[in-house]
Amino acid sequence: MAPHETVLLVGGGGREHAIARALADDCTLYACASNRNPGIARLAESVELLDETDPEAVVAVAEAVDATLAVVGPEAPLAAGVVDALEDAGVYAFGPRAEQARIETDKAYQRRFMREHDVPGCPDFETFDDTEAACDYIDEYDGDLAVKPAGLTGGKGVRVTGDQVTNAEAKEYLRSSDHERLVLEERLVGEEFTVQAFVADGEFRVSPAVQDHKRAYEGDEGPNTGGMGSYTDAGFLLPFLTDDDFDEAARVIEATVDALDDYRGVLYGQFMLTADGVKVVEFNARFGDPEAMNTLPVLETPFVDVLTAARDGERLPDLTFAARATVCKYAVPAGYPEDPEGGTKVAVDEESVGSALLFYASVDDREDGVYTTTSRSFAVVGVAESIAAAERQAETALSAVGEGLRVRHDVGTEALVQRRVDHVAELRE
């Protein structure tokens, strides 16, 4: 019989609640985060409140609970070197060290890495350390551009000319921001999708494709967010993807894993299916949020088995996923993402969620109740035999949304999915 594991989970958002749910039945679970997530608190032996980006504080918790494994959920602790510190303390953490996490945390490095190692799917790009030089490039470039700060922006830092902003507005954005390093790349036109892979010891295992919805409002309107919701189909493909499209994305992940030095953790590939094939929008060095809430509930292979195989240098298990579709919809504070109103007491009627799954995210569990922060509050996930059925399940569960919260109701609807299918059909003509 395999030894019992004690796992420390770092992070307190919706993604981490999904990770906790995937682990809790198969290990002794502890957590540490900057907020007290009530969903995680119910699953873990205890939740230690701390600064997640303080490596010494995280290591102290790991040592206090005698952790045999750790999982680092968010990107900020990865960038801060929490995995490096845990490794130095003798605790195996499923996540990349800070240098490897640059594949997400430094977009300029990410693009140069792709170019240097001939990773397929890299768009045309240039990097800049000088704002005025970047502004000149915007004026000179023949076409539309994605304007990206090189560092972490929580999914909200990108501006796209010809879509979200004019050239003049893009330049004003750069001049008024404090971004010192920039990436300007060709605007990719198509349909986005994500493939997340479990990686260790040069091996990887892919999970079903997910489509996230970044725009704040229905009809793909408004500013970008951390993600308003997402869906998967009852298999590895999305309705607009072919086997060849998915295989092309998997080859990009394979080339990236081969080029990275002993990467471990989750490698998240965000792709754009274009008229010219699959292109890389970006890589992330961890599970997506909300994509983890689509993927982990249908993972039938115990997640702890992936962690122990990675730590022990064994072959990663072949992953089995239930043939179920999922639809995730986030409830966010009024005004999110530009002027969110935090500090509102959340009244979630958990009984009314029904058969859907409820994941708490950026909320704080206080003595007198659960309160919003200025980020996404909680998500509901429908899991059913089809996207349409999962969407209905999620929408029914949203009767639990109280005052002061907003939802993007069109995520996963038949009309929205059909627009994606029609768009790809036009691209392929």
Protein backbone atom coordinates (compact mmCIF):
# COMPACT_ATOMS: atom_id res chain seq x y z
CA MET A 1 0.00 0.00 0.00
CA ALA A 2 1.34 3.42 -0.94
CA PRO A 3 2.37 5.63 1.99
CA HIS A 4 -0.08 8.32 3.05
CA GLU A 5 0.89 11.78 1.86
CA THR A 6 0.62 15.13 3.61
CA VAL A 7 0.14 17.85 1.02
CA LEU A 8 0.47 21.62 1.47
CA LEU A 9 -1.58 23.70 -0.96
CA VAL A 10 -0.40 27.27 -1.57
CA GLY A 11 -3.10 29.71 -2.67
CA GLY A 12 -6.68 30.63 -1.86
CA GLY A 13 -8.58 31.17 -5.12
CA GLY A 14 -11.05 29.22 -7.21
CA ARG A 15 -8.28 27.27 -8.91
CA GLU A 16 -6.92 26.24 -5.52
CA HIS A 17 -10.39 25.23 -4.29
CA ALA A 18 -10.57 22.91 -7.33
CA ILE A 19 -7.11 21.52 -6.52
CA ALA A 20 -8.12 20.98 -2.89
CA ARG A 21 -11.25 19.12 -3.97
CA ALA A 22 -9.16 16.89 -6.26
CA LEU A 23 -6.74 16.03 -3.44
CA ALA A 24 -8.65 15.99 -0.17
CA ASP A 25 -9.97 12.42 -0.28
CA ASP A 26 -6.54 10.91 -1.00
CA CYS A 27 -4.19 12.71 1.39
CA THR A 28 -3.97 14.82 4.52
CA LEU A 29 -4.38 18.35 3.18
CA TYR A 30 -3.15 21.63 4.64
CA ALA A 31 -3.33 25.05 3.01
CA CYS A 32 -1.77 28.47 3.26
CA ALA A 33 -2.95 31.64 1.55
CA SER A 34 -3.42 35.37 1.94
CA ASN A 35 -7.18 34.88 2.32
CA ARG A 36 -9.36 32.33 4.05
CA ASN A 37 -11.27 30.51 1.31
CA PRO A 38 -14.24 28.77 2.99
CA GLY A 39 -14.28 25.97 0.43
CA ILE A 40 -10.64 25.14 1.03
CA ALA A 41 -11.06 25.51 4.80
CA ARG A 42 -13.70 22.76 4.80
CA LEU A 43 -11.39 20.37 2.95
CA ALA A 44 -8.09 21.11 4.71
CA GLU A 45 -6.96 20.30 8.22
CA SER A 46 -6.09 23.98 8.62
CA VAL A 47 -5.50 27.15 6.62
CA GLU A 48 -2.57 29.35 7.59
CA LEU A 49 -2.93 33.02 6.62
CA LEU A 50 0.28 34.49 5.23
CA ASP A 51 1.83 36.27 2.28
CA GLU A 52 1.90 33.59 -0.44
CA THR A 53 4.92 35.27 -2.05
CA ASP A 54 7.02 34.96 1.14
CA PRO A 55 9.08 31.78 0.58
CA GLU A 56 10.30 31.58 4.19
CA ALA A 57 6.75 31.80 5.55
CA VAL A 58 5.51 29.05 3.21
CA VAL A 59 8.46 26.81 4.10
CA ALA A 60 7.75 27.34 7.80
CA VAL A 61 4.18 26.05 7.33
CA ALA A 62 5.39 23.09 5.24
CA GLU A 63 7.84 22.11 7.97
CA ALA A 64 5.29 22.62 10.75
CA VAL A 65 2.81 20.20 9.15
CA ASP A 66 5.52 17.74 7.99
CA ALA A 67 4.42 18.11 4.36
CA THR A 68 5.63 15.37 2.03
CA LEU A 69 4.38 17.24 -1.06
CA ALA A 70 3.30 20.75 -1.99
CA VAL A 71 1.24 22.24 -4.80
CA VAL A 72 1.66 25.90 -5.67
CA GLY A 73 -1.47 27.25 -7.35
CA PRO A 74 -0.99 30.92 -8.34
CA GLU A 75 1.71 32.45 -10.51
CA ALA A 76 2.95 35.09 -8.05
CA PRO A 77 4.43 32.58 -5.56
CA LEU A 78 6.10 30.77 -8.48
CA ALA A 79 7.73 34.03 -9.55
CA ALA A 80 8.78 34.71 -5.96
CA GLY A 81 10.70 31.44 -5.73
CA VAL A 82 8.41 29.52 -3.36
CA VAL A 83 9.10 26.24 -5.19
CA ASP A 84 12.87 26.88 -4.98
CA ALA A 85 12.61 27.48 -1.23
CA LEU A 86 10.49 24.36 -0.65
CA GLU A 87 12.93 22.29 -2.68
CA ASP A 88 15.85 23.63 -0.63
CA ALA A 89 13.95 22.61 2.49
CA GLY A 90 13.47 19.07 1.17
CA VAL A 91 9.77 19.36 0.25
CA TYR A 92 8.85 18.36 -3.30
CA ALA A 93 6.60 21.02 -4.83
CA PHE A 94 4.63 20.35 -7.99
CA GLY A 95 5.34 23.56 -9.81
CA PRO A 96 8.25 25.13 -11.66
CA ARG A 97 11.15 26.87 -10.03
CA ALA A 98 11.30 30.65 -10.54
CA GLU A 99 13.65 30.40 -13.53
CA GLN A 100 11.39 27.90 -15.29
CA ALA A 101 8.29 29.91 -14.40
CA ARG A 102 9.64 32.71 -16.58
CA ILE A 103 7.86 30.93 -19.43
CA GLU A 104 4.83 32.73 -17.95
CA THR A 105 6.17 35.52 -15.77
CA ASP A 106 8.33 37.16 -18.45
CA LYS A 107 6.57 37.40 -21.81
CA ALA A 108 9.65 38.80 -23.52
CA TYR A 109 11.63 35.77 -22.33
CA GLN A 110 8.76 33.52 -23.41
CA ARG A 111 8.82 34.74 -27.01
CA ARG A 112 12.61 34.71 -27.26
CA PHE A 113 12.61 31.18 -25.79
CA MET A 114 10.19 30.04 -28.48
CA ARG A 115 12.27 31.62 -31.21
CA GLU A 116 15.57 30.24 -29.89
CA HIS A 117 14.23 26.68 -29.56
CA ASP A 118 12.12 26.65 -32.74
CA VAL A 119 8.92 26.03 -30.80
CA PRO A 120 6.15 26.04 -33.42
CA GLY A 121 3.27 28.49 -33.33
CA CYS A 122 5.24 31.60 -32.38
CA PRO A 123 3.78 34.82 -33.85
CA ASP A 124 5.90 37.66 -35.22
CA PHE A 125 7.03 39.85 -32.31
CA GLU A 126 9.46 42.46 -31.05
CA THR A 127 10.47 43.28 -27.47
CA PHE A 128 11.12 46.77 -26.11
CA ASP A 129 12.68 48.36 -23.03
CA ASP A 130 11.87 51.86 -24.27
CA THR A 131 8.28 53.12 -24.36
CA GLU A 132 8.86 55.63 -27.15
CA ALA A 133 10.53 53.01 -29.33
CA ALA A 134 7.48 50.79 -28.78
CA CYS A 135 5.19 53.68 -29.75
CA ASP A 136 7.20 54.24 -32.93
CA TYR A 137 6.82 50.54 -33.76
CA ILE A 138 3.05 50.82 -33.38
CA ASP A 139 3.07 53.65 -35.93
CA GLU A 140 5.31 51.79 -38.34
CA TYR A 141 3.77 48.30 -38.15
CA ASP A 142 1.63 47.30 -41.10
CA GLY A 143 -1.27 45.64 -39.34
CA ASP A 144 -2.79 45.23 -35.89
CA LEU A 145 -0.79 44.42 -32.77
CA ALA A 146 -1.19 42.83 -29.37
CA VAL A 147 0.53 45.13 -26.88
CA LYS A 148 1.69 43.19 -23.81
CA PRO A 149 3.60 44.18 -20.68
CA ALA A 150 6.39 41.64 -20.19
CA GLY A 151 5.49 40.92 -16.56
CA LEU A 152 2.45 39.54 -14.75
CA THR A 153 -0.78 41.49 -15.11
CA GLY A 154 -3.44 39.01 -14.01
CA GLY A 155 -4.80 38.66 -17.53
CA LYS A 156 -5.74 42.35 -17.69
CA GLY A 157 -2.67 44.06 -19.19
CA VAL A 158 -3.02 43.33 -22.90
CA ARG A 159 -4.36 45.87 -25.40
CA VAL A 160 -5.14 44.86 -28.99
CA THR A 161 -5.15 47.47 -31.74
CA GLY A 162 -7.85 47.16 -34.33
CA ASP A 163 -10.02 45.38 -31.76
CA GLN A 164 -9.93 46.92 -28.29
CA VAL A 165 -8.08 50.19 -28.88
CA THR A 166 -6.82 52.48 -31.63
CA ASN A 167 -3.11 53.00 -32.24
CA ALA A 168 -3.34 56.35 -30.45
CA GLU A 169 -5.04 54.75 -27.43
CA ALA A 170 -2.44 51.98 -27.32
CA LYS A 171 0.36 54.55 -27.24
CA GLU A 172 -1.41 56.53 -24.53
CA TYR A 173 -1.79 53.33 -22.52
CA LEU A 174 1.95 52.66 -22.74
CA ARG A 175 2.91 56.22 -21.86
CA SER A 176 0.56 56.40 -18.87
CA SER A 177 1.50 52.99 -17.47
CA ASP A 178 4.60 52.03 -15.51
CA HIS A 179 5.43 49.02 -17.69
CA GLU A 180 9.16 49.14 -18.38
CA ARG A 181 9.42 46.09 -20.64
CA LEU A 182 7.04 45.36 -23.47
CA VAL A 183 6.21 42.78 -26.12
CA LEU A 184 4.49 43.85 -29.33
CA GLU A 185 3.32 41.04 -31.56
CA GLU A 186 1.06 40.42 -34.49
CA ARG A 187 -2.61 40.31 -33.63
CA LEU A 188 -3.84 36.73 -33.89
CA VAL A 189 -7.33 36.35 -35.33
CA GLY A 190 -9.26 33.15 -34.71
CA GLU A 191 -10.68 31.18 -31.81
CA GLU A 192 -8.78 30.77 -28.56
CA PHE A 193 -8.53 27.50 -26.66
CA THR A 194 -6.40 26.10 -23.87
CA VAL A 195 -4.67 22.76 -23.34
CA GLN A 196 -3.21 22.12 -19.89
CA ALA A 197 -0.51 19.48 -19.46
CA PHE A 198 0.84 17.72 -16.36
CA VAL A 199 4.64 17.70 -16.70
CA ALA A 200 7.50 15.99 -14.86
CA ASP A 201 10.83 14.37 -15.73
CA GLY A 202 10.52 15.20 -19.43
CA GLU A 203 7.08 13.57 -19.72
CA PHE A 204 3.70 15.24 -20.12
CA ARG A 205 0.05 14.26 -20.09
CA VAL A 206 -2.54 16.49 -21.73
CA SER A 207 -6.05 17.25 -20.51
CA PRO A 208 -9.20 18.20 -22.46
CA ALA A 209 -9.28 21.46 -24.37
CA VAL A 210 -11.02 24.38 -22.66
CA GLN A 211 -12.32 27.68 -23.99
CA ASP A 212 -12.13 30.61 -21.56
CA HIS A 213 -14.01 33.90 -21.94
CA LYS A 214 -11.80 36.86 -21.03
CA ARG A 215 -14.09 39.73 -21.95
CA ALA A 216 -16.08 41.18 -19.06
CA TYR A 217 -19.50 41.36 -20.69
CA GLU A 218 -21.83 39.21 -22.73
CA GLY A 219 -21.25 39.08 -26.47
CA ASP A 220 -17.46 39.28 -25.91
CA GLU A 221 -17.69 42.97 -25.07
CA GLY A 222 -15.73 45.05 -22.60
CA PRO A 223 -12.23 44.87 -21.12
CA ASN A 224 -10.25 41.72 -20.49
CA THR A 225 -10.56 40.00 -17.13
CA GLY A 226 -8.94 37.05 -15.39
CA GLY A 227 -11.69 34.95 -17.00
CA MET A 228 -15.48 35.14 -16.67
CA GLY A 229 -16.13 31.48 -17.40
CA SER A 230 -15.18 28.52 -19.55
CA TYR A 231 -16.43 25.25 -21.01
CA THR A 232 -15.28 21.83 -22.17
CA ASP A 233 -17.02 19.18 -24.23
CA ALA A 234 -17.54 15.53 -23.32
CA GLY A 235 -14.13 14.55 -24.70
CA PHE A 236 -10.78 16.13 -25.46
CA LEU A 237 -12.00 18.37 -28.31
CA LEU A 238 -14.17 21.47 -28.45
CA PRO A 239 -16.97 21.70 -31.03
CA PHE A 240 -14.82 23.83 -33.35
CA LEU A 241 -11.63 21.76 -33.00
CA THR A 242 -10.48 18.76 -35.03
CA ASP A 243 -8.11 16.01 -33.94
CA ASP A 244 -5.44 17.63 -36.11
CA ASP A 245 -5.91 20.98 -34.32
CA PHE A 246 -5.53 19.35 -30.91
CA ASP A 247 -2.51 17.33 -32.06
CA GLU A 248 -0.89 20.52 -33.35
CA ALA A 249 -1.31 22.13 -29.93
CA ALA A 250 0.08 18.99 -28.25
CA ARG A 251 3.16 19.16 -30.49
CA VAL A 252 3.75 22.73 -29.32
CA ILE A 253 3.58 21.55 -25.71
CA GLU A 254 5.93 18.67 -26.48
CA ALA A 255 8.49 20.98 -28.10
CA THR A 256 8.27 23.35 -25.13
CA VAL A 257 8.69 20.58 -22.56
CA ASP A 258 11.68 19.23 -24.51
CA ALA A 259 13.31 22.67 -24.52
CA LEU A 260 12.67 23.48 -20.86
CA ASP A 261 15.23 22.19 -18.38
CA ASP A 262 13.57 19.64 -16.06
CA TYR A 263 10.24 21.48 -15.93
CA ARG A 264 7.66 20.16 -13.49
CA GLY A 265 4.12 21.18 -12.73
CA VAL A 266 1.36 22.26 -15.07
CA LEU A 267 2.18 23.84 -18.41
CA TYR A 268 -0.81 25.74 -19.76
CA GLY A 269 -0.80 26.48 -23.46
CA GLN A 270 -3.20 29.19 -24.59
CA PHE A 271 -3.64 28.84 -28.33
CA MET A 272 -5.34 30.64 -31.18
CA LEU A 273 -6.78 28.55 -33.99
CA THR A 274 -6.15 30.81 -36.99
CA ALA A 275 -6.56 30.47 -40.73
CA ASP A 276 -2.85 29.52 -40.75
CA GLY A 277 -3.09 26.88 -38.05
CA VAL A 278 -2.49 26.89 -34.30
CA LYS A 279 -0.54 29.81 -32.82
CA VAL A 280 0.59 30.40 -29.23
CA VAL A 281 -1.09 33.29 -27.43
CA GLU A 282 0.90 32.60 -24.26
CA PHE A 283 2.09 29.96 -21.82
CA ASN A 284 1.22 29.82 -18.15
CA ALA A 285 3.21 27.86 -15.58
CA ARG A 286 0.21 26.63 -13.57
CA PHE A 287 -3.42 25.61 -13.90
CA GLY A 288 -5.69 28.21 -15.41
CA ASP A 289 -8.38 29.91 -13.40
CA PRO A 290 -11.16 29.08 -14.34
CA GLU A 291 -9.83 26.20 -16.49
CA ALA A 292 -8.80 24.13 -13.44
CA MET A 293 -12.46 24.08 -12.42
CA ASN A 294 -13.35 22.45 -15.75
CA THR A 295 -10.48 19.96 -15.83
CA LEU A 296 -10.03 18.65 -12.29
CA PRO A 297 -13.67 17.68 -11.58
CA VAL A 298 -13.62 15.25 -14.53
CA LEU A 299 -10.13 13.86 -13.80
CA GLU A 300 -10.73 10.27 -12.69
CA THR A 301 -7.04 9.45 -12.06
CA PRO A 302 -6.20 10.49 -8.48
CA PHE A 303 -4.28 13.75 -8.69
CA VAL A 304 -2.11 12.66 -5.77
CA ASP A 305 -0.85 9.78 -7.97
CA VAL A 306 0.43 12.34 -10.47
CA LEU A 307 2.23 14.19 -7.67
CA THR A 308 3.89 11.13 -6.17
CA ALA A 309 5.01 9.81 -9.57
CA ALA A 310 6.55 13.19 -10.37
CA ARG A 311 8.34 13.34 -7.02
CA ASP A 312 9.58 9.76 -7.15
CA GLY A 313 10.84 9.94 -10.74
CA GLU A 314 8.33 7.35 -11.92
CA ARG A 315 6.44 7.33 -15.18
CA LEU A 316 3.47 9.68 -15.00
CA PRO A 317 0.20 7.74 -14.91
CA ASP A 318 -1.97 7.73 -17.99
CA LEU A 319 -4.80 10.09 -17.21
CA THR A 320 -8.47 9.17 -17.44
CA PHE A 321 -11.14 11.84 -17.74
CA ALA A 322 -14.88 11.30 -17.43
CA ALA A 323 -16.73 11.76 -20.72
CA ARG A 324 -18.61 14.76 -19.38
CA ALA A 325 -18.95 18.34 -20.55
CA THR A 326 -18.42 21.20 -18.11
CA VAL A 327 -19.52 24.84 -18.03
CA CYS A 328 -18.02 27.24 -15.48
CA LYS A 329 -19.51 30.68 -14.78
CA TYR A 330 -17.96 33.21 -12.42
CA ALA A 331 -19.81 35.63 -10.14
CA VAL A 332 -17.77 38.82 -9.81
CA PRO A 333 -18.15 42.04 -7.80
CA ALA A 334 -20.13 44.87 -9.36
CA GLY A 335 -17.76 47.07 -11.37
CA TYR A 336 -15.26 44.27 -12.04
CA PRO A 337 -12.64 44.49 -13.56
CA GLU A 338 -12.15 48.26 -13.86
CA ASP A 339 -13.81 49.59 -10.70
CA PRO A 340 -14.76 46.60 -8.54
CA GLU A 341 -16.58 47.08 -5.26
CA GLY A 342 -15.05 44.87 -2.58
CA GLY A 343 -16.07 44.29 1.01
CA THR A 344 -19.61 43.13 0.24
CA LYS A 345 -21.02 40.32 2.33
CA VAL A 346 -21.77 37.37 0.04
CA ALA A 347 -24.96 35.43 0.66
CA VAL A 348 -24.49 32.14 -1.21
CA ASP A 349 -27.35 29.72 -0.74
CA GLU A 350 -25.33 26.56 -1.16
CA GLU A 351 -28.43 24.38 -1.07
CA SER A 352 -29.77 26.08 -4.22
CA VAL A 353 -26.62 25.22 -6.20
CA GLY A 354 -28.10 21.76 -6.69
CA SER A 355 -26.05 19.30 -8.70
CA ALA A 356 -23.60 21.94 -9.91
CA LEU A 357 -20.24 22.40 -8.19
CA LEU A 358 -19.49 25.54 -6.20
CA PHE A 359 -15.94 26.91 -6.00
CA TYR A 360 -15.13 29.87 -3.78
CA ALA A 361 -12.46 32.19 -5.18
CA SER A 362 -11.26 35.62 -4.06
CA VAL A 363 -13.38 35.94 -0.95
CA ASP A 364 -12.52 36.26 2.71
CA ASP A 365 -14.24 34.07 5.31
CA ARG A 366 -14.66 36.18 8.43
CA GLU A 367 -16.38 35.44 11.74
CA ASP A 368 -19.64 37.05 10.60
CA GLY A 369 -19.69 35.72 7.02
CA VAL A 370 -18.02 35.62 3.62
CA TYR A 371 -16.97 38.92 2.03
CA THR A 372 -15.93 39.84 -1.49
CA THR A 373 -12.54 41.23 -2.41
CA THR A 374 -12.02 43.27 -5.58
CA SER A 375 -11.47 40.13 -7.69
CA ARG A 376 -13.70 37.25 -8.80
CA SER A 377 -15.87 35.90 -5.99
CA PHE A 378 -17.04 32.38 -6.74
CA ALA A 379 -17.79 30.06 -9.64
CA VAL A 380 -20.39 27.42 -10.35
CA VAL A 381 -19.63 24.49 -12.65
CA GLY A 382 -22.18 22.34 -14.38
CA VAL A 383 -21.03 18.81 -15.23
CA ALA A 384 -23.27 16.85 -17.62
CA GLU A 385 -23.45 14.74 -20.77
CA SER A 386 -23.38 17.77 -23.10
CA ILE A 387 -22.33 21.42 -23.07
CA ALA A 388 -25.98 22.48 -23.29
CA ALA A 389 -26.97 20.36 -20.28
CA ALA A 390 -23.96 21.54 -18.26
CA GLU A 391 -24.81 25.16 -19.12
CA ARG A 392 -28.38 24.74 -17.92
CA GLN A 393 -27.10 23.18 -14.71
CA ALA A 394 -24.71 26.10 -14.10
CA GLU A 395 -27.35 28.68 -14.91
CA THR A 396 -29.83 27.10 -12.50
CA ALA A 397 -27.17 27.18 -9.79
CA LEU A 398 -26.69 30.91 -10.32
CA SER A 399 -29.91 31.56 -8.46
CA ALA A 400 -27.50 31.48 -5.51
CA VAL A 401 -25.92 34.76 -6.62
CA GLY A 402 -26.71 37.55 -4.17
CA GLU A 403 -26.77 41.32 -4.44
CA GLY A 404 -23.70 43.19 -5.64
CA LEU A 405 -22.48 40.41 -7.95
CA ARG A 406 -22.51 40.07 -11.74
CA VAL A 407 -22.36 37.03 -14.05
CA ARG A 408 -21.64 36.61 -17.74
CA HIS A 409 -24.65 34.47 -18.55
CA ASP A 410 -23.79 33.64 -22.17
CA VAL A 411 -20.80 31.41 -21.35
CA GLY A 412 -21.46 27.92 -22.71
CA THR A 413 -24.82 28.75 -24.29
CA GLU A 414 -25.75 27.03 -27.55
CA ALA A 415 -25.84 30.37 -29.37
CA LEU A 416 -22.32 31.33 -28.24
CA VAL A 417 -20.84 27.92 -29.02
CA GLN A 418 -22.43 27.98 -32.48
CA ARG A 419 -20.85 31.38 -33.16
CA ARG A 420 -17.47 29.80 -32.39
CA VAL A 421 -18.19 26.92 -34.79
CA ASP A 422 -19.32 29.30 -37.54
CA HIS A 423 -16.27 31.53 -37.05
CA VAL A 424 -13.87 28.61 -37.47
CA ALA A 425 -15.77 27.42 -40.53
CA GLU A 426 -15.19 30.86 -42.07
CA LEU A 427 -11.48 30.71 -41.19
CA ARG A 428 -11.12 27.35 -42.90
CA GLU A 429 -12.73 28.49 -46.18
